[in-house]
C-alpha atoms as a PDB file:
ATOM      1  CA  MET A   1     310.960  12.568 144.208  1.00  0.00           C
ATOM      2  CA  LYS A   2     310.058  10.501 147.309  1.00  0.00           C
ATOM      3  CA  GLY A   3     308.792  10.907 150.844  1.00  0.00           C
ATOM      4  CA  PRO A   4     306.382  13.509 152.341  1.00  0.00           C
ATOM      5  CA  VAL A   5     307.233  16.138 149.736  1.00  0.00           C
ATOM      6  CA  SER A   6     306.244  13.856 146.855  1.00  0.00           C
ATOM      7  CA  SER A   7     303.000  12.938 148.659  1.00  0.00           C
ATOM      8  CA  VAL A   8     302.047  16.594 149.017  1.00  0.00           C
ATOM      9  CA  PHE A   9     302.998  17.240 145.392  1.00  0.00           C
ATOM     10  CA  PHE A  10     300.742  14.506 144.062  1.00  0.00           C
ATOM     11  CA  ALA A  11     297.905  15.457 146.409  1.00  0.00           C
ATOM     12  CA  VAL A  12     298.004  19.028 145.116  1.00  0.00           C
ATOM     13  CA  LEU A  13     298.274  17.758 141.563  1.00  0.00           C
ATOM     14  CA  ALA A  14     295.227  15.541 142.058  1.00  0.00           C
ATOM     15  CA  VAL A  15     293.149  18.460 143.327  1.00  0.00           C
ATOM     16  CA  GLY A  16     294.238  20.567 140.379  1.00  0.00           C
ATOM     17  CA  MET A  17     293.227  17.816 137.966  1.00  0.00           C
ATOM     18  CA  HIS A  18     289.804  17.161 139.560  1.00  0.00           C
ATOM     19  CA  PRO A  19     287.098  18.024 136.986  1.00  0.00           C
ATOM     20  CA  ALA A  20     285.084  19.926 139.589  1.00  0.00           C
ATOM     21  CA  PHE A  21     287.925  22.437 139.817  1.00  0.00           C
ATOM     22  CA  SER A  22     288.356  22.894 136.079  1.00  0.00           C
ATOM     23  CA  GLN A  23     288.542  26.419 134.757  1.00  0.00           C
ATOM     24  CA  ASP A  24     285.741  25.766 132.271  1.00  0.00           C
ATOM     25  CA  TYR A  25     283.077  25.262 134.986  1.00  0.00           C
ATOM     26  CA  PRO A  26     280.302  25.073 134.133  1.00  0.00           C
ATOM     27  CA  SER A  27     280.733  23.093 130.931  1.00  0.00           C
ATOM     28  CA  LYS A  28     277.172  21.760 130.734  1.00  0.00           C
ATOM     29  CA  PRO A  29     273.623  22.793 131.812  1.00  0.00           C
ATOM     30  CA  ILE A  30     272.894  23.127 135.522  1.00  0.00           C
ATOM     31  CA  ARG A  31     269.843  21.512 137.089  1.00  0.00           C
ATOM     32  CA  LEU A  32     267.862  23.535 139.623  1.00  0.00           C
ATOM     33  CA  ILE A  33     265.453  21.297 141.519  1.00  0.00           C
ATOM     34  CA  VAL A  34     262.239  22.920 142.788  1.00  0.00           C
ATOM     35  CA  PRO A  35     260.631  20.484 145.256  1.00  0.00           C
ATOM     36  CA  PHE A  36     257.169  22.061 145.012  1.00  0.00           C
ATOM     37  CA  ALA A  37     254.551  22.458 142.303  1.00  0.00           C
ATOM     38  CA  PRO A  38     254.821  25.467 139.946  1.00  0.00           C
ATOM     39  CA  GLY A  39     253.185  28.701 141.026  1.00  0.00           C
ATOM     40  CA  GLY A  40     254.359  29.079 144.620  1.00  0.00           C
ATOM     41  CA  GLY A  41     257.122  31.113 146.231  1.00  0.00           C
ATOM     42  CA  VAL A  42     259.877  28.536 145.691  1.00  0.00           C
ATOM     43  CA  ASP A  43     259.066  28.312 141.982  1.00  0.00           C
ATOM     44  CA  PHE A  44     258.933  32.118 141.730  1.00  0.00           C
ATOM     45  CA  ASN A  45     262.455  32.458 143.155  1.00  0.00           C
ATOM     46  CA  ALA A  46     263.721  29.829 140.739  1.00  0.00           C
ATOM     47  CA  ARG A  47     262.193  31.597 137.736  1.00  0.00           C
ATOM     48  CA  VAL A  48     263.628  34.960 138.796  1.00  0.00           C
ATOM     49  CA  VAL A  49     267.156  33.947 139.797  1.00  0.00           C
ATOM     50  CA  GLY A  50     267.654  30.990 137.456  1.00  0.00           C
ATOM     51  CA  PRO A  51     267.872  32.948 134.175  1.00  0.00           C
ATOM     52  CA  LYS A  52     270.201  35.540 135.713  1.00  0.00           C
ATOM     53  CA  LEU A  53     272.485  32.837 137.068  1.00  0.00           C
ATOM     54  CA  ALA A  54     272.529  31.252 133.616  1.00  0.00           C
ATOM     55  CA  GLU A  55     273.677  34.558 132.124  1.00  0.00           C
ATOM     56  CA  ALA A  56     276.395  34.949 134.749  1.00  0.00           C
ATOM     57  CA  LEU A  57     277.737  31.401 134.337  1.00  0.00           C
ATOM     58  CA  GLY A  58     277.303  31.136 130.576  1.00  0.00           C
ATOM     59  CA  GLN A  59     275.280  27.931 130.796  1.00  0.00           C
ATOM     60  CA  SER A  60     271.569  27.201 130.876  1.00  0.00           C
ATOM     61  CA  VAL A  61     269.898  26.609 134.249  1.00  0.00           C
ATOM     62  CA  VAL A  62     267.104  24.076 133.871  1.00  0.00           C
ATOM     63  CA  VAL A  63     264.302  24.198 136.468  1.00  0.00           C
ATOM     64  CA  ASP A  64     263.252  20.667 137.420  1.00  0.00           C
ATOM     65  CA  SER A  65     259.980  20.566 139.415  1.00  0.00           C
ATOM     66  CA  ARG A  66     259.769  17.558 141.744  1.00  0.00           C
ATOM     67  CA  PRO A  67     256.819  18.182 144.119  1.00  0.00           C
ATOM     68  CA  GLY A  68     255.514  15.908 146.835  1.00  0.00           C
ATOM     69  CA  ALA A  69     255.664  15.031 150.552  1.00  0.00           C
ATOM     70  CA  GLY A  70     256.106  18.604 151.756  1.00  0.00           C
ATOM     71  CA  GLY A  71     259.118  19.130 149.518  1.00  0.00           C
ATOM     72  CA  THR A  72     261.065  16.150 150.843  1.00  0.00           C
ATOM     73  CA  ILE A  73     260.943  14.098 147.620  1.00  0.00           C
ATOM     74  CA  GLY A  74     262.602  16.699 145.419  1.00  0.00           C
ATOM     75  CA  THR A  75     264.977  17.777 148.153  1.00  0.00           C
ATOM     76  CA  GLU A  76     266.232  14.233 148.690  1.00  0.00           C
ATOM     77  CA  ILE A  77     266.833  13.874 144.961  1.00  0.00           C
ATOM     78  CA  GLY A  78     268.922  17.039 145.042  1.00  0.00           C
ATOM     79  CA  VAL A  79     270.816  16.202 148.220  1.00  0.00           C
ATOM     80  CA  LYS A  80     271.768  12.751 146.924  1.00  0.00           C
ATOM     81  CA  SER A  81     272.949  14.023 143.535  1.00  0.00           C
ATOM     82  CA  PRO A  82     276.673  14.170 142.689  1.00  0.00           C
ATOM     83  CA  SER A  83     278.446  17.059 144.388  1.00  0.00           C
ATOM     84  CA  ASP A  84     279.917  18.374 141.166  1.00  0.00           C
ATOM     85  CA  GLY A  85     278.236  21.776 140.907  1.00  0.00           C
ATOM     86  CA  TYR A  86     275.617  20.705 138.369  1.00  0.00           C
ATOM     87  CA  THR A  87     272.675  20.105 140.695  1.00  0.00           C
ATOM     88  CA  TYR A  88     271.233  22.611 143.159  1.00  0.00           C
ATOM     89  CA  THR A  89     267.992  22.610 145.133  1.00  0.00           C
ATOM     90  CA  LEU A  90     265.905  25.665 145.921  1.00  0.00           C
ATOM     91  CA  LEU A  91     264.479  25.478 149.420  1.00  0.00           C
ATOM     92  CA  GLY A  92     261.661  27.254 151.183  1.00  0.00           C
ATOM     93  CA  GLY A  93     261.120  27.671 154.911  1.00  0.00           C
ATOM     94  CA  THR A  94     259.350  24.297 154.922  1.00  0.00           C
ATOM     95  CA  TYR A  95     262.780  22.693 154.904  1.00  0.00           C
ATOM     96  CA  ALA A  96     263.268  23.690 158.539  1.00  0.00           C
ATOM     97  CA  VAL A  97     259.992  22.073 159.606  1.00  0.00           C
ATOM     98  CA  THR A  98     260.158  18.640 158.026  1.00  0.00           C
ATOM     99  CA  PRO A  99     262.952  17.234 160.264  1.00  0.00           C
ATOM    100  CA  SER A 100     260.587  17.446 163.224  1.00  0.00           C
ATOM    101  CA  LEU A 101     257.733  15.677 161.448  1.00  0.00           C
ATOM    102  CA  PHE A 102     259.131  13.167 159.002  1.00  0.00           C
ATOM    103  CA  LYS A 103     261.789  10.503 158.967  1.00  0.00           C
ATOM    104  CA  LEU A 104     264.085  11.898 156.307  1.00  0.00           C
ATOM    105  CA  GLY A 105     266.416   9.918 154.102  1.00  0.00           C
ATOM    106  CA  PHE A 106     269.154  12.479 154.646  1.00  0.00           C
ATOM    107  CA  ASP A 107     270.625  14.709 157.345  1.00  0.00           C
ATOM    108  CA  PRO A 108     269.190  18.235 156.837  1.00  0.00           C
ATOM    109  CA  ILE A 109     272.332  19.853 158.235  1.00  0.00           C
ATOM    110  CA  ASN A 110     275.266  17.583 157.444  1.00  0.00           C
ATOM    111  CA  ASP A 111     274.232  16.269 154.026  1.00  0.00           C
ATOM    112  CA  ILE A 112     274.008  19.683 152.359  1.00  0.00           C
ATOM    113  CA  THR A 113     276.181  22.567 151.284  1.00  0.00           C
ATOM    114  CA  PRO A 114     274.278  25.805 151.999  1.00  0.00           C
ATOM    115  CA  VAL A 115     274.970  28.206 149.137  1.00  0.00           C
ATOM    116  CA  ILE A 116     273.013  31.424 149.709  1.00  0.00           C
ATOM    117  CA  LEU A 117     269.811  32.958 151.066  1.00  0.00           C
ATOM    118  CA  LEU A 118     267.862  34.264 148.070  1.00  0.00           C
ATOM    119  CA  SER A 119     264.942  36.162 149.594  1.00  0.00           C
ATOM    120  CA  TYR A 120     262.709  36.426 152.632  1.00  0.00           C
ATOM    121  CA  GLY A 121     259.446  38.002 153.749  1.00  0.00           C
ATOM    122  CA  PRO A 122     256.344  37.548 155.898  1.00  0.00           C
ATOM    123  CA  HIS A 123     253.537  35.070 155.685  1.00  0.00           C
ATOM    124  CA  LEU A 124     250.064  36.509 155.782  1.00  0.00           C
ATOM    125  CA  ILE A 125     246.641  35.174 156.603  1.00  0.00           C
ATOM    126  CA  VAL A 126     244.384  35.471 153.554  1.00  0.00           C
ATOM    127  CA  VAL A 127     240.704  34.554 153.343  1.00  0.00           C
ATOM    128  CA  HIS A 128     238.002  34.333 150.722  1.00  0.00           C
ATOM    129  CA  PRO A 129     236.446  37.808 150.292  1.00  0.00           C
ATOM    130  CA  SER A 130     233.025  36.504 151.311  1.00  0.00           C
ATOM    131  CA  LEU A 131     234.219  35.327 154.735  1.00  0.00           C
ATOM    132  CA  PRO A 132     232.656  37.756 157.248  1.00  0.00           C
ATOM    133  CA  VAL A 133     235.891  38.798 158.947  1.00  0.00           C
ATOM    134  CA  LYS A 134     238.040  41.918 158.727  1.00  0.00           C
ATOM    135  CA  THR A 135     240.621  41.347 161.453  1.00  0.00           C
ATOM    136  CA  THR A 136     242.433  38.519 163.196  1.00  0.00           C
ATOM    137  CA  ARG A 137     240.136  39.015 166.157  1.00  0.00           C
ATOM    138  CA  ASP A 138     237.102  38.492 163.888  1.00  0.00           C
ATOM    139  CA  LEU A 139     238.629  35.316 162.494  1.00  0.00           C
ATOM    140  CA  ILE A 140     239.289  33.917 165.958  1.00  0.00           C
ATOM    141  CA  ALA A 141     235.732  34.691 167.043  1.00  0.00           C
ATOM    142  CA  LEU A 142     234.307  32.936 163.986  1.00  0.00           C
ATOM    143  CA  ALA A 143     236.535  29.898 164.491  1.00  0.00           C
ATOM    144  CA  ARG A 144     235.465  29.659 168.122  1.00  0.00           C
ATOM    145  CA  ALA A 145     231.799  29.898 167.140  1.00  0.00           C
ATOM    146  CA  LYS A 146     232.240  27.204 164.500  1.00  0.00           C
ATOM    147  CA  PRO A 147     234.928  24.773 165.735  1.00  0.00           C
ATOM    148  CA  ASN A 148     236.348  22.328 163.172  1.00  0.00           C
ATOM    149  CA  THR A 149     234.405  24.060 160.391  1.00  0.00           C
ATOM    150  CA  LEU A 150     236.769  26.584 158.826  1.00  0.00           C
ATOM    151  CA  THR A 151     239.205  24.993 156.384  1.00  0.00           C
ATOM    152  CA  PHE A 152     242.728  26.211 155.717  1.00  0.00           C
ATOM    153  CA  GLY A 153     244.977  25.011 152.912  1.00  0.00           C
ATOM    154  CA  SER A 154     248.733  24.555 152.994  1.00  0.00           C
ATOM    155  CA  SER A 155     251.522  23.955 150.511  1.00  0.00           C
ATOM    156  CA  GLY A 156     251.978  20.512 152.051  1.00  0.00           C
ATOM    157  CA  PRO A 157     251.839  18.714 155.399  1.00  0.00           C
ATOM    158  CA  GLY A 158     254.583  19.897 157.693  1.00  0.00           C
ATOM    159  CA  GLY A 159     255.321  23.094 155.797  1.00  0.00           C
ATOM    160  CA  THR A 160     255.430  26.559 157.324  1.00  0.00           C
ATOM    161  CA  SER A 161     252.010  27.374 155.836  1.00  0.00           C
ATOM    162  CA  HIS A 162     250.680  24.374 157.747  1.00  0.00           C
ATOM    163  CA  LEU A 163     252.614  24.665 161.015  1.00  0.00           C
ATOM    164  CA  GLY A 164     252.224  28.437 161.061  1.00  0.00           C
ATOM    165  CA  MET A 165     248.440  28.042 161.081  1.00  0.00           C
ATOM    166  CA  GLU A 166     248.671  25.276 163.674  1.00  0.00           C
ATOM    167  CA  LEU A 167     250.695  27.643 165.859  1.00  0.00           C
ATOM    168  CA  PHE A 168     248.170  30.438 165.283  1.00  0.00           C
ATOM    169  CA  SER A 169     245.286  28.089 166.163  1.00  0.00           C
ATOM    170  CA  TYR A 170     247.097  26.902 169.290  1.00  0.00           C
ATOM    171  CA  LYS A 171     247.722  30.429 170.510  1.00  0.00           C
ATOM    172  CA  ALA A 172     244.143  31.495 169.665  1.00  0.00           C
ATOM    173  CA  GLY A 173     242.592  28.412 171.244  1.00  0.00           C
ATOM    174  CA  VAL A 174     240.639  27.431 168.135  1.00  0.00           C
ATOM    175  CA  LYS A 175     240.239  24.322 165.971  1.00  0.00           C
ATOM    176  CA  MET A 176     240.287  24.456 162.167  1.00  0.00           C
ATOM    177  CA  VAL A 177     240.567  21.786 159.466  1.00  0.00           C
ATOM    178  CA  HIS A 178     243.837  21.417 157.566  1.00  0.00           C
ATOM    179  CA  VAL A 179     243.686  20.608 153.824  1.00  0.00           C
ATOM    180  CA  PRO A 180     247.192  19.863 152.426  1.00  0.00           C
ATOM    181  CA  TYR A 181     248.203  20.482 148.808  1.00  0.00           C
ATOM    182  CA  LYS A 182     251.400  19.864 146.833  1.00  0.00           C
ATOM    183  CA  GLY A 183     252.294  23.544 146.598  1.00  0.00           C
ATOM    184  CA  GLY A 184     251.139  27.054 147.487  1.00  0.00           C
ATOM    185  CA  GLY A 185     250.326  27.797 143.859  1.00  0.00           C
ATOM    186  CA  GLN A 186     247.498  25.260 144.003  1.00  0.00           C
ATOM    187  CA  VAL A 187     245.972  26.560 147.222  1.00  0.00           C
ATOM    188  CA  VAL A 188     245.407  30.176 146.188  1.00  0.00           C
ATOM    189  CA  PRO A 189     242.978  29.341 143.333  1.00  0.00           C
ATOM    190  CA  ASP A 190     240.899  27.160 145.673  1.00  0.00           C
ATOM    191  CA  VAL A 191     240.676  29.919 148.275  1.00  0.00           C
ATOM    192  CA  MET A 192     239.634  32.376 145.558  1.00  0.00           C
ATOM    193  CA  ALA A 193     237.006  29.885 144.354  1.00  0.00           C
ATOM    194  CA  GLY A 194     235.632  29.477 147.876  1.00  0.00           C
ATOM    195  CA  HIS A 195     236.607  25.811 148.224  1.00  0.00           C
ATOM    196  CA  LEU A 196     238.737  26.814 151.240  1.00  0.00           C
ATOM    197  CA  GLN A 197     238.172  29.613 153.735  1.00  0.00           C
ATOM    198  CA  LEU A 198     241.762  30.675 154.379  1.00  0.00           C
ATOM    199  CA  PHE A 199     245.460  30.123 153.789  1.00  0.00           C
ATOM    200  CA  LEU A 200     248.716  31.156 155.429  1.00  0.00           C
ATOM    201  CA  ALA A 201     250.148  32.490 152.178  1.00  0.00           C
ATOM    202  CA  THR A 202     253.430  33.975 151.103  1.00  0.00           C
ATOM    203  CA  LEU A 203     253.399  37.415 149.548  1.00  0.00           C
ATOM    204  CA  PRO A 204     254.770  36.086 146.223  1.00  0.00           C
ATOM    205  CA  SER A 205     251.880  33.641 145.860  1.00  0.00           C
ATOM    206  CA  SER A 206     249.072  35.997 146.879  1.00  0.00           C
ATOM    207  CA  LEU A 207     249.973  39.693 146.590  1.00  0.00           C
ATOM    208  CA  GLN A 208     248.603  40.180 143.072  1.00  0.00           C
ATOM    209  CA  GLN A 209     245.328  38.499 144.024  1.00  0.00           C
ATOM    210  CA  ILE A 210     245.056  40.669 147.133  1.00  0.00           C
ATOM    211  CA  ARG A 211     245.561  43.795 145.052  1.00  0.00           C
ATOM    212  CA  ALA A 212     242.891  42.563 142.637  1.00  0.00           C
ATOM    213  CA  ARG A 213     240.584  41.929 145.643  1.00  0.00           C
ATOM    214  CA  ARG A 214     240.183  38.270 144.800  1.00  0.00           C
ATOM    215  CA  LEU A 215     241.666  37.513 148.212  1.00  0.00           C
ATOM    216  CA  LYS A 216     241.362  39.420 151.486  1.00  0.00           C
ATOM    217  CA  ALA A 217     244.447  39.816 153.670  1.00  0.00           C
ATOM    218  CA  ILE A 218     243.787  39.773 157.403  1.00  0.00           C
ATOM    219  CA  ALA A 219     247.275  40.117 158.874  1.00  0.00           C
ATOM    220  CA  VAL A 220     250.982  39.479 158.379  1.00  0.00           C
ATOM    221  CA  THR A 221     252.548  36.933 160.722  1.00  0.00           C
ATOM    222  CA  THR A 222     255.805  38.745 161.437  1.00  0.00           C
ATOM    223  CA  ALA A 223     256.446  40.878 164.508  1.00  0.00           C
ATOM    224  CA  GLN A 224     256.523  44.045 162.386  1.00  0.00           C
ATOM    225  CA  ARG A 225     254.556  45.153 159.342  1.00  0.00           C
ATOM    226  CA  SER A 226     256.165  44.531 156.000  1.00  0.00           C
ATOM    227  CA  ASP A 227     257.505  47.526 154.094  1.00  0.00           C
ATOM    228  CA  LEU A 228     256.240  45.788 150.964  1.00  0.00           C
ATOM    229  CA  ALA A 229     252.660  45.633 152.275  1.00  0.00           C
ATOM    230  CA  PRO A 230     252.487  48.393 154.905  1.00  0.00           C
ATOM    231  CA  ASP A 231     248.683  48.533 154.980  1.00  0.00           C
ATOM    232  CA  ILE A 232     248.350  44.986 156.274  1.00  0.00           C
ATOM    233  CA  PRO A 233     248.505  44.891 160.109  1.00  0.00           C
ATOM    234  CA  THR A 234     250.329  42.304 162.186  1.00  0.00           C
ATOM    235  CA  VAL A 235     248.502  39.579 164.086  1.00  0.00           C
ATOM    236  CA  SER A 236     249.444  41.250 167.370  1.00  0.00           C
ATOM    237  CA  GLU A 237     247.877  44.546 166.279  1.00  0.00           C
ATOM    238  CA  THR A 238     244.458  42.999 165.738  1.00  0.00           C
ATOM    239  CA  SER A 239     244.231  40.255 168.362  1.00  0.00           C
ATOM    240  CA  ASP A 240     245.414  39.230 171.822  1.00  0.00           C
ATOM    241  CA  ILE A 241     248.201  37.096 170.312  1.00  0.00           C
ATOM    242  CA  LYS A 242     251.363  39.101 170.946  1.00  0.00           C
ATOM    243  CA  ASP A 243     254.275  36.815 170.134  1.00  0.00           C
ATOM    244  CA  LEU A 244     253.609  35.283 166.708  1.00  0.00           C
ATOM    245  CA  ASP A 245     256.541  35.718 164.323  1.00  0.00           C
ATOM    246  CA  VAL A 246     256.520  33.446 161.280  1.00  0.00           C
ATOM    247  CA  MET A 247     258.793  34.304 158.366  1.00  0.00           C
ATOM    248  CA  THR A 248     259.138  32.756 154.942  1.00  0.00           C
ATOM    249  CA  TRP A 249     262.523  32.378 153.279  1.00  0.00           C
ATOM    250  CA  TYR A 250     264.045  30.870 150.148  1.00  0.00           C
ATOM    251  CA  GLY A 251     267.583  29.697 149.539  1.00  0.00           C
ATOM    252  CA  LEU A 252     269.870  27.549 147.462  1.00  0.00           C
ATOM    253  CA  ILE A 253     271.699  24.415 148.584  1.00  0.00           C
ATOM    254  CA  ALA A 254     273.928  21.812 146.941  1.00  0.00           C
ATOM    255  CA  PRO A 255     274.890  18.294 148.034  1.00  0.00           C
ATOM    256  CA  LYS A 256     277.513  18.100 150.774  1.00  0.00           C
ATOM    257  CA  ASN A 257     281.166  18.592 149.944  1.00  0.00           C
ATOM    258  CA  LEU A 258     280.600  20.960 147.046  1.00  0.00           C
ATOM    259  CA  PRO A 259     284.126  22.084 146.096  1.00  0.00           C
ATOM    260  CA  LYS A 260     284.860  25.485 147.581  1.00  0.00           C
ATOM    261  CA  PRO A 261     285.876  27.138 144.287  1.00  0.00           C
ATOM    262  CA  ILE A 262     282.482  26.251 142.835  1.00  0.00           C
ATOM    263  CA  LEU A 263     280.679  27.324 146.007  1.00  0.00           C
ATOM    264  CA  ASP A 264     282.493  30.660 145.988  1.00  0.00           C
ATOM    265  CA  ARG A 265     281.780  31.172 142.289  1.00  0.00           C
ATOM    266  CA  VAL A 266     278.052  30.454 142.483  1.00  0.00           C
ATOM    267  CA  SER A 267     277.400  32.294 145.756  1.00  0.00           C
ATOM    268  CA  GLY A 268     279.451  35.239 144.516  1.00  0.00           C
ATOM    269  CA  GLU A 269     277.533  35.495 141.259  1.00  0.00           C
ATOM    270  CA  ILE A 270     274.177  35.286 143.037  1.00  0.00           C
ATOM    271  CA  ASN A 271     275.224  37.958 145.530  1.00  0.00           C
ATOM    272  CA  LYS A 272     275.888  40.251 142.580  1.00  0.00           C
ATOM    273  CA  ILE A 273     272.521  39.352 141.046  1.00  0.00           C
ATOM    274  CA  LEU A 274     270.641  40.057 144.278  1.00  0.00           C
ATOM    275  CA  LYS A 275     272.164  43.537 144.514  1.00  0.00           C
ATOM    276  CA  THR A 276     270.776  44.667 141.151  1.00  0.00           C
ATOM    277  CA  LYS A 277     267.813  47.016 141.071  1.00  0.00           C
ATOM    278  CA  GLU A 278     266.083  44.774 138.554  1.00  0.00           C
ATOM    279  CA  ILE A 279     265.987  41.835 140.944  1.00  0.00           C
ATOM    280  CA  SER A 280     265.170  44.000 143.953  1.00  0.00           C
ATOM    281  CA  ASP A 281     262.211  45.504 142.111  1.00  0.00           C
ATOM    282  CA  ARG A 282     261.074  42.106 140.865  1.00  0.00           C
ATOM    283  CA  PHE A 283     261.153  40.665 144.359  1.00  0.00           C
ATOM    284  CA  ALA A 284     259.417  43.728 145.802  1.00  0.00           C
ATOM    285  CA  SER A 285     256.584  43.388 143.295  1.00  0.00           C
ATOM    286  CA  GLU A 286     255.945  39.935 144.716  1.00  0.00           C
ATOM    287  CA  GLY A 287     256.397  40.751 148.379  1.00  0.00           C
ATOM    288  CA  VAL A 288     259.887  39.570 149.311  1.00  0.00           C
ATOM    289  CA  VAL A 289     263.235  41.289 149.679  1.00  0.00           C
ATOM    290  CA  PRO A 290     266.632  40.059 148.421  1.00  0.00           C
ATOM    291  CA  GLY A 291     268.737  37.941 150.751  1.00  0.00           C
ATOM    292  CA  GLY A 292     272.433  37.431 150.038  1.00  0.00           C
ATOM    293  CA  GLY A 293     275.337  36.987 152.416  1.00  0.00           C
ATOM    294  CA  THR A 294     277.704  34.082 152.909  1.00  0.00           C
ATOM    295  CA  PRO A 295     277.129  30.330 152.859  1.00  0.00           C
ATOM    296  CA  ALA A 296     278.009  30.288 156.572  1.00  0.00           C
ATOM    297  CA  GLN A 297     275.291  32.828 157.347  1.00  0.00           C
ATOM    298  CA  PHE A 298     272.730  30.806 155.418  1.00  0.00           C
ATOM    299  CA  HIS A 299     273.867  27.674 157.246  1.00  0.00           C
ATOM    300  CA  ALA A 300     273.290  29.425 160.591  1.00  0.00           C
ATOM    301  CA  LEU A 301     269.790  30.505 159.503  1.00  0.00           C
ATOM    302  CA  ILE A 302     268.851  26.941 158.558  1.00  0.00           C
ATOM    303  CA  GLN A 303     270.062  25.603 161.914  1.00  0.00           C
ATOM    304  CA  LYS A 304     268.173  28.303 163.829  1.00  0.00           C
ATOM    305  CA  GLU A 305     264.943  27.719 161.884  1.00  0.00           C
ATOM    306  CA  ILE A 306     265.097  23.952 162.399  1.00  0.00           C
ATOM    307  CA  GLU A 307     265.346  24.452 166.161  1.00  0.00           C
ATOM    308  CA  THR A 308     262.537  27.047 166.171  1.00  0.00           C
ATOM    309  CA  TRP A 309     260.111  24.771 164.329  1.00  0.00           C
ATOM    310  CA  ARG A 310     261.092  21.797 166.465  1.00  0.00           C
ATOM    311  CA  LYS A 311     259.728  23.726 169.447  1.00  0.00           C
ATOM    312  CA  VAL A 312     256.543  24.636 167.516  1.00  0.00           C
ATOM    313  CA  VAL A 313     255.901  20.974 166.707  1.00  0.00           C
ATOM    314  CA  GLN A 314     256.330  20.110 170.375  1.00  0.00           C
ATOM    315  CA  ILE A 315     253.945  22.732 171.753  1.00  0.00           C
ATOM    316  CA  THR A 316     251.248  22.175 169.109  1.00  0.00           C
ATOM    317  CA  GLY A 317     251.460  18.402 169.326  1.00  0.00           C
ATOM    318  CA  THR A 318     251.458  18.073 165.540  1.00  0.00           C
ATOM    319  CA  LYS A 319     252.176  14.512 164.387  1.00  0.00           C
ATOM    320  CA  PHE A 320     252.193  12.512 161.169  1.00  0.00           C
ATOM    321  CA  GLU A 321     251.952   8.752 160.818  1.00  0.00           C
END
């Protein structure tokens, strides 16, 4: 057999023989990289979805925490791993901010395979209960009276918890001191202990502490109130800032060129998982709602968020050496 027909035959045969396309995928444990310290929203999503994905695929899913540099260290490890379906990285909204602030060792759009949006929800401004403020307007007044005195923590420099507060401060015309951490799970205890005055938290990392009154929630940062925390007003309801809309989201990516059969299998299984009442209830208890959808839709979200935060970095003048 010679000529074009034979070339096509052997090309098809080669694809069929590629181990990534084997019918026994997965045949070994899967690594799920979490590029932030345990205890925050990214880690929470990994601990909720990981075991269910392991059940669906019939292989263990091992969470590998690799915190540091606003999530870029762990993310780069994941992005540069073999594209064989055995390494995934769980992202948070911070991923869309870092391209505008850091020189990355990878292309945040072209070096990844978006798999699926896992969950999303609002950020909220939380303060230590002793801070004498009840509303966003009170907080702004206090910050104006005491410039460069109030301290706010973040899950890392360049993350949404950092840039969201920088955007809030810019719009409010106030100056506060940023204290970066390696993950949201480390910030909440320090706010509760009074070492920090406030934090732009995610609902997963703070809702239980708010309910226990160890933290005080001032406002959510989305345009509308959250159905999961309907008693917490928006920033626009309690201040003169009318156009703040900062959302948190979590999703799964793989290195670029993940074979489509594997992509379809993993995204399909997770879509099924996200539609279960068990997962919906678990997410709701922590303040986020299930995501889902197609890899293309998640890809579009990432592109949109990167452009949004690029504009925020420009107007706030935030820079890192």
